[in-house]
PDB file of N, CA and C in Angstrom:
ATOM      1  N   MET A   1      -5.693  -3.095  -3.896  1.00  0.00           N
ATOM      2  CA  MET A   1      -4.273  -3.110  -3.644  1.00  0.00           C
ATOM      3  C   MET A   1      -4.003  -3.486  -2.192  1.00  0.00           C
ATOM      4  N   LEU A   2      -4.949  -3.109  -1.324  1.00  0.00           N
ATOM      5  CA  LEU A   2      -4.809  -3.481   0.087  1.00  0.00           C
ATOM      6  C   LEU A   2      -4.835  -4.993   0.245  1.00  0.00           C
ATOM      7  N   LEU A   3      -5.726  -5.664  -0.449  1.00  0.00           N
ATOM      8  CA  LEU A   3      -5.808  -7.125  -0.353  1.00  0.00           C
ATOM      9  C   LEU A   3      -4.582  -7.803  -0.952  1.00  0.00           C
ATOM     10  N   ILE A   4      -4.041  -7.232  -2.006  1.00  0.00           N
ATOM     11  CA  ILE A   4      -2.829  -7.791  -2.604  1.00  0.00           C
ATOM     12  C   ILE A   4      -1.660  -7.683  -1.631  1.00  0.00           C
ATOM     13  N   ALA A   5      -1.519  -6.515  -0.990  1.00  0.00           N
ATOM     14  CA  ALA A   5      -0.441  -6.337  -0.020  1.00  0.00           C
ATOM     15  C   ALA A   5      -0.616  -7.295   1.164  1.00  0.00           C
ATOM     16  N   ALA A   6      -1.850  -7.457   1.632  1.00  0.00           N
ATOM     17  CA  ALA A   6      -2.098  -8.387   2.738  1.00  0.00           C
ATOM     18  C   ALA A   6      -1.795  -9.820   2.322  1.00  0.00           C
ATOM     19  N   GLY A   7      -2.089 -10.148   1.074  1.00  0.00           N
ATOM     20  CA  GLY A   7      -1.760 -11.484   0.577  1.00  0.00           C
ATOM     21  C   GLY A   7      -0.265 -11.737   0.542  1.00  0.00           C
ATOM     22  N   PHE A   8       0.503 -10.745   0.113  1.00  0.00           N
ATOM     23  CA  PHE A   8       1.956 -10.905   0.096  1.00  0.00           C
ATOM     24  C   PHE A   8       2.531 -10.994   1.511  1.00  0.00           C
ATOM     25  N   VAL A   9       1.939 -10.290   2.451  1.00  0.00           N
ATOM     26  CA  VAL A   9       2.378 -10.405   3.850  1.00  0.00           C
ATOM     27  C   VAL A   9       2.115 -11.822   4.343  1.00  0.00           C
ATOM     28  N   ALA A  10       0.968 -12.378   4.000  1.00  0.00           N
ATOM     29  CA  ALA A  10       0.659 -13.750   4.406  1.00  0.00           C
ATOM     30  C   ALA A  10       1.623 -14.742   3.763  1.00  0.00           C
ATOM     31  N   ILE A  11       1.938 -14.540   2.488  1.00  0.00           N
ATOM     32  CA  ILE A  11       2.899 -15.417   1.812  1.00  0.00           C
ATOM     33  C   ILE A  11       4.266 -15.325   2.488  1.00  0.00           C
ATOM     34  N   GLY A  12       4.701 -14.096   2.800  1.00  0.00           N
ATOM     35  CA  GLY A  12       5.986 -13.927   3.483  1.00  0.00           C
ATOM     36  C   GLY A  12       5.998 -14.579   4.852  1.00  0.00           C
ATOM     37  N   ALA A  13       4.881 -14.518   5.567  1.00  0.00           N
ATOM     38  CA  ALA A  13       4.807 -15.157   6.887  1.00  0.00           C
ATOM     39  C   ALA A  13       4.875 -16.676   6.751  1.00  0.00           C
ATOM     40  N   PHE A  14       4.204 -17.227   5.737  1.00  0.00           N
ATOM     41  CA  PHE A  14       4.282 -18.672   5.533  1.00  0.00           C
ATOM     42  C   PHE A  14       5.686 -19.097   5.109  1.00  0.00           C
ATOM     43  N   LEU A  15       6.365 -18.273   4.331  1.00  0.00           N
ATOM     44  CA  LEU A  15       7.723 -18.608   3.909  1.00  0.00           C
ATOM     45  C   LEU A  15       8.707 -18.575   5.068  1.00  0.00           C
ATOM     46  N   LEU A  16       8.412 -17.784   6.098  1.00  0.00           N
ATOM     47  CA  LEU A  16       9.287 -17.749   7.276  1.00  0.00           C
ATOM     48  C   LEU A  16       9.330 -19.090   7.984  1.00  0.00           C
ATOM     49  N   HIS A  17       8.258 -19.850   7.879  1.00  0.00           N
ATOM     50  CA  HIS A  17       8.185 -21.142   8.564  1.00  0.00           C
ATOM     51  C   HIS A  17       8.737 -22.287   7.730  1.00  0.00           C
ATOM     52  N   ASP A  18       9.114 -22.017   6.492  1.00  0.00           N
ATOM     53  CA  ASP A  18       9.668 -23.045   5.618  1.00  0.00           C
ATOM     54  C   ASP A  18      11.190 -23.066   5.776  1.00  0.00           C
ATOM     55  N   PRO A  19      11.766 -24.160   6.280  1.00  0.00           N
ATOM     56  CA  PRO A  19      13.223 -24.192   6.514  1.00  0.00           C
ATOM     57  C   PRO A  19      14.046 -24.179   5.232  1.00  0.00           C
ATOM     58  N   LYS A  20      13.447 -24.506   4.079  1.00  0.00           N
ATOM     59  CA  LYS A  20      14.192 -24.515   2.822  1.00  0.00           C
ATOM     60  C   LYS A  20      14.331 -23.126   2.209  1.00  0.00           C
ATOM     61  N   GLN A  21      13.524 -22.161   2.642  1.00  0.00           N
ATOM     62  CA  GLN A  21      13.547 -20.812   2.076  1.00  0.00           C
ATOM     63  C   GLN A  21      14.512 -19.915   2.840  1.00  0.00           C
ATOM     64  N   ASN A  22      15.017 -18.906   2.143  1.00  0.00           N
ATOM     65  CA  ASN A  22      15.912 -17.928   2.756  1.00  0.00           C
ATOM     66  C   ASN A  22      15.088 -17.001   3.655  1.00  0.00           C
ATOM     67  N   ALA A  23      15.439 -16.917   4.926  1.00  0.00           N
ATOM     68  CA  ALA A  23      14.672 -16.124   5.888  1.00  0.00           C
ATOM     69  C   ALA A  23      14.786 -14.628   5.600  1.00  0.00           C
ATOM     70  N   ALA A  24      15.908 -14.187   5.039  1.00  0.00           N
ATOM     71  CA  ALA A  24      16.085 -12.758   4.758  1.00  0.00           C
ATOM     72  C   ALA A  24      15.099 -12.288   3.690  1.00  0.00           C
ATOM     73  N   ILE A  25      14.878 -13.090   2.672  1.00  0.00           N
ATOM     74  CA  ILE A  25      13.933 -12.722   1.615  1.00  0.00           C
ATOM     75  C   ILE A  25      12.518 -12.702   2.172  1.00  0.00           C
ATOM     76  N   SER A  26      12.191 -13.663   3.005  1.00  0.00           N
ATOM     77  CA  SER A  26      10.860 -13.702   3.610  1.00  0.00           C
ATOM     78  C   SER A  26      10.621 -12.482   4.482  1.00  0.00           C
ATOM     79  N   CYS A  27      11.618 -12.087   5.252  1.00  0.00           N
ATOM     80  CA  CYS A  27      11.485 -10.890   6.091  1.00  0.00           C
ATOM     81  C   CYS A  27      11.363  -9.634   5.241  1.00  0.00           C
ATOM     82  N   LEU A  28      12.096  -9.572   4.138  1.00  0.00           N
ATOM     83  CA  LEU A  28      12.017  -8.416   3.241  1.00  0.00           C
ATOM     84  C   LEU A  28      10.628  -8.296   2.619  1.00  0.00           C
ATOM     85  N   ILE A  29      10.080  -9.413   2.158  1.00  0.00           N
ATOM     86  CA  ILE A  29       8.735  -9.404   1.573  1.00  0.00           C
ATOM     87  C   ILE A  29       7.711  -8.951   2.609  1.00  0.00           C
ATOM     88  N   THR A  30       7.783  -9.532   3.795  1.00  0.00           N
ATOM     89  CA  THR A  30       6.816  -9.207   4.847  1.00  0.00           C
ATOM     90  C   THR A  30       6.933  -7.754   5.276  1.00  0.00           C
ATOM     91  N   THR A  31       8.138  -7.239   5.412  1.00  0.00           N
ATOM     92  CA  THR A  31       8.339  -5.860   5.841  1.00  0.00           C
ATOM     93  C   THR A  31       7.887  -4.866   4.779  1.00  0.00           C
ATOM     94  N   PHE A  32       8.258  -5.102   3.530  1.00  0.00           N
ATOM     95  CA  PHE A  32       7.917  -4.163   2.454  1.00  0.00           C
ATOM     96  C   PHE A  32       6.403  -4.056   2.271  1.00  0.00           C
ATOM     97  N   PHE A  33       5.747  -5.188   2.135  1.00  0.00           N
ATOM     98  CA  PHE A  33       4.304  -5.151   1.911  1.00  0.00           C
ATOM     99  C   PHE A  33       3.544  -4.845   3.189  1.00  0.00           C
ATOM    100  N   GLY A  34       4.117  -5.163   4.343  1.00  0.00           N
ATOM    101  CA  GLY A  34       3.490  -4.779   5.607  1.00  0.00           C
ATOM    102  C   GLY A  34       3.486  -3.274   5.797  1.00  0.00           C
ATOM    103  N   ALA A  35       4.512  -2.599   5.295  1.00  0.00           N
ATOM    104  CA  ALA A  35       4.554  -1.138   5.373  1.00  0.00           C
ATOM    105  C   ALA A  35       3.557  -0.499   4.417  1.00  0.00           C
ATOM    106  N   ALA A  36       3.182  -1.201   3.363  1.00  0.00           N
ATOM    107  CA  ALA A  36       2.225  -0.663   2.399  1.00  0.00           C
ATOM    108  C   ALA A  36       0.786  -0.753   2.890  1.00  0.00           C
ATOM    109  N   ILE A  37       0.499  -1.663   3.803  1.00  0.00           N
ATOM    110  CA  ILE A  37      -0.880  -1.858   4.273  1.00  0.00           C
ATOM    111  C   ILE A  37      -1.459  -0.592   4.897  1.00  0.00           C
ATOM    112  N   PRO A  38      -0.763   0.099   5.826  1.00  0.00           N
ATOM    113  CA  PRO A  38      -1.360   1.325   6.369  1.00  0.00           C
ATOM    114  C   PRO A  38      -1.574   2.418   5.319  1.00  0.00           C
ATOM    115  N   ILE A  39      -0.697   2.488   4.330  1.00  0.00           N
ATOM    116  CA  ILE A  39      -0.843   3.494   3.278  1.00  0.00           C
ATOM    117  C   ILE A  39      -2.093   3.220   2.457  1.00  0.00           C
ATOM    118  N   PHE A  40      -2.296   1.974   2.050  1.00  0.00           N
ATOM    119  CA  PHE A  40      -3.478   1.635   1.265  1.00  0.00           C
ATOM    120  C   PHE A  40      -4.746   1.769   2.089  1.00  0.00           C
ATOM    121  N   ALA A  41      -4.686   1.442   3.369  1.00  0.00           N
ATOM    122  CA  ALA A  41      -5.861   1.600   4.232  1.00  0.00           C
ATOM    123  C   ALA A  41      -6.216   3.083   4.378  1.00  0.00           C
ATOM    124  N   TRP A  42      -5.213   3.936   4.518  1.00  0.00           N
ATOM    125  CA  TRP A  42      -5.469   5.374   4.627  1.00  0.00           C
ATOM    126  C   TRP A  42      -6.100   5.913   3.349  1.00  0.00           C
ATOM    127  N   ARG A  43      -5.675   5.398   2.205  1.00  0.00           N
ATOM    128  CA  ARG A  43      -6.241   5.858   0.939  1.00  0.00           C
ATOM    129  C   ARG A  43      -7.683   5.407   0.772  1.00  0.00           C
ATOM    130  N   LEU A  44      -8.096   4.358   1.461  1.00  0.00           N
ATOM    131  CA  LEU A  44      -9.512   3.983   1.469  1.00  0.00           C
ATOM    132  C   LEU A  44     -10.330   4.950   2.318  1.00  0.00           C
ATOM    133  N   ILE A  45      -9.728   5.441   3.402  1.00  0.00           N
ATOM    134  CA  ILE A  45     -10.419   6.371   4.295  1.00  0.00           C
ATOM    135  C   ILE A  45     -10.496   7.763   3.678  1.00  0.00           C
ATOM    136  N   ARG A  46      -9.382   8.249   3.115  1.00  0.00           N
ATOM    137  CA  ARG A  46      -9.331   9.575   2.482  1.00  0.00           C
ATOM    138  C   ARG A  46      -8.852   9.438   1.044  1.00  0.00           C
ATOM    139  N   PRO A  47      -9.740   9.158   0.119  1.00  0.00           N
ATOM    140  CA  PRO A  47      -9.324   9.007  -1.292  1.00  0.00           C
ATOM    141  C   PRO A  47      -8.994  10.354  -1.926  1.00  0.00           C
ATOM    142  N   ASP A  48      -8.301  10.293  -3.039  1.00  0.00           N
ATOM    143  CA  ASP A  48      -8.019  11.502  -3.814  1.00  0.00           C
ATOM    144  C   ASP A  48      -9.324  12.046  -4.389  1.00  0.00           C
ATOM    145  N   ILE A  49      -9.384  13.377  -4.539  1.00  0.00           N
ATOM    146  CA  ILE A  49     -10.570  14.018  -5.087  1.00  0.00           C
ATOM    147  C   ILE A  49     -10.150  14.913  -6.249  1.00  0.00           C
ATOM    148  N   LEU A  50     -10.761  14.678  -7.406  1.00  0.00           N
ATOM    149  CA  LEU A  50     -10.535  15.507  -8.584  1.00  0.00           C
ATOM    150  C   LEU A  50     -11.759  16.391  -8.766  1.00  0.00           C
ATOM    151  N   THR A  51     -11.530  17.711  -8.762  1.00  0.00           N
ATOM    152  CA  THR A  51     -12.615  18.675  -8.928  1.00  0.00           C
ATOM    153  C   THR A  51     -12.416  19.402 -10.252  1.00  0.00           C
ATOM    154  N   LEU A  52     -13.416  19.302 -11.107  1.00  0.00           N
ATOM    155  CA  LEU A  52     -13.382  19.994 -12.390  1.00  0.00           C
ATOM    156  C   LEU A  52     -14.348  21.166 -12.327  1.00  0.00           C
ATOM    157  N   ALA A  53     -13.839  22.345 -12.585  1.00  0.00           N
ATOM    158  CA  ALA A  53     -14.648  23.566 -12.553  1.00  0.00           C
ATOM    159  C   ALA A  53     -14.359  24.370 -13.820  1.00  0.00           C
ATOM    160  N   PRO A  54     -15.200  25.345 -14.128  1.00  0.00           N
ATOM    161  CA  PRO A  54     -14.955  26.165 -15.316  1.00  0.00           C
ATOM    162  C   PRO A  54     -13.621  26.918 -15.268  1.00  0.00           C
ATOM    163  N   ASP A  55     -13.139  27.234 -14.070  1.00  0.00           N
ATOM    164  CA  ASP A  55     -11.883  27.974 -13.966  1.00  0.00           C
ATOM    165  C   ASP A  55     -10.656  27.064 -13.885  1.00  0.00           C
ATOM    166  N   GLY A  56     -10.826  25.742 -13.913  1.00  0.00           N
ATOM    167  CA  GLY A  56      -9.683  24.835 -13.903  1.00  0.00           C
ATOM    168  C   GLY A  56      -9.966  23.559 -13.141  1.00  0.00           C
ATOM    169  N   ALA A  57      -8.951  22.727 -13.075  1.00  0.00           N
ATOM    170  CA  ALA A  57      -9.048  21.447 -12.380  1.00  0.00           C
ATOM    171  C   ALA A  57      -8.199  21.502 -11.117  1.00  0.00           C
ATOM    172  N   SER A  58      -8.666  20.817 -10.105  1.00  0.00           N
ATOM    173  CA  SER A  58      -7.954  20.751  -8.841  1.00  0.00           C
ATOM    174  C   SER A  58      -7.953  19.307  -8.359  1.00  0.00           C
ATOM    175  N   TRP A  59      -6.793  18.833  -7.936  1.00  0.00           N
ATOM    176  CA  TRP A  59      -6.664  17.462  -7.467  1.00  0.00           C
ATOM    177  C   TRP A  59      -6.159  17.493  -6.035  1.00  0.00           C
ATOM    178  N   ARG A  60      -6.993  17.023  -5.091  1.00  0.00           N
ATOM    179  CA  ARG A  60      -6.623  16.993  -3.677  1.00  0.00           C
ATOM    180  C   ARG A  60      -6.250  15.569  -3.312  1.00  0.00           C
ATOM    181  N   SER A  61      -5.047  15.397  -2.777  1.00  0.00           N
ATOM    182  CA  SER A  61      -4.588  14.088  -2.342  1.00  0.00           C
ATOM    183  C   SER A  61      -4.087  14.169  -0.913  1.00  0.00           C
ATOM    184  N   THR A  62      -3.578  13.073  -0.435  1.00  0.00           N
ATOM    185  CA  THR A  62      -3.045  13.021   0.921  1.00  0.00           C
ATOM    186  C   THR A  62      -1.890  13.984   1.108  1.00  0.00           C
ATOM    187  N   PHE A  63      -1.109  14.197   0.059  1.00  0.00           N
ATOM    188  CA  PHE A  63       0.097  15.002   0.159  1.00  0.00           C
ATOM    189  C   PHE A  63      -0.094  16.474  -0.168  1.00  0.00           C
ATOM    190  N   GLY A  64      -1.268  16.879  -0.609  1.00  0.00           N
ATOM    191  CA  GLY A  64      -1.515  18.288  -0.898  1.00  0.00           C
ATOM    192  C   GLY A  64      -2.469  18.446  -2.056  1.00  0.00           C
ATOM    193  N   THR A  65      -2.559  19.691  -2.531  1.00  0.00           N
ATOM    194  CA  THR A  65      -3.467  20.024  -3.626  1.00  0.00           C
ATOM    195  C   THR A  65      -2.661  20.493  -4.831  1.00  0.00           C
ATOM    196  N   ALA A  66      -3.014  19.943  -5.987  1.00  0.00           N
ATOM    197  CA  ALA A  66      -2.376  20.359  -7.233  1.00  0.00           C
ATOM    198  C   ALA A  66      -3.410  21.063  -8.096  1.00  0.00           C
ATOM    199  N   CYS A  67      -2.996  22.112  -8.747  1.00  0.00           N
ATOM    200  CA  CYS A  67      -3.924  22.879  -9.602  1.00  0.00           C
ATOM    201  C   CYS A  67      -3.618  22.638 -11.048  1.00  0.00           C
TER     202      CYS A  67
END
């Protein structure tokens, strides 16, 4: 997903240089997917962990732990 977001950022950057394209849409694409890059990179560093035990399941993610 990180590579897909980086690809869309590259597409948005190339569209910014095209005079026939709407600059607002290009900026929106670049900003939206550019904001996703740090999130996907962080998820590569700290992935979610699912722990299955006899007493139950526990899912640890970036935002907290669910039981």
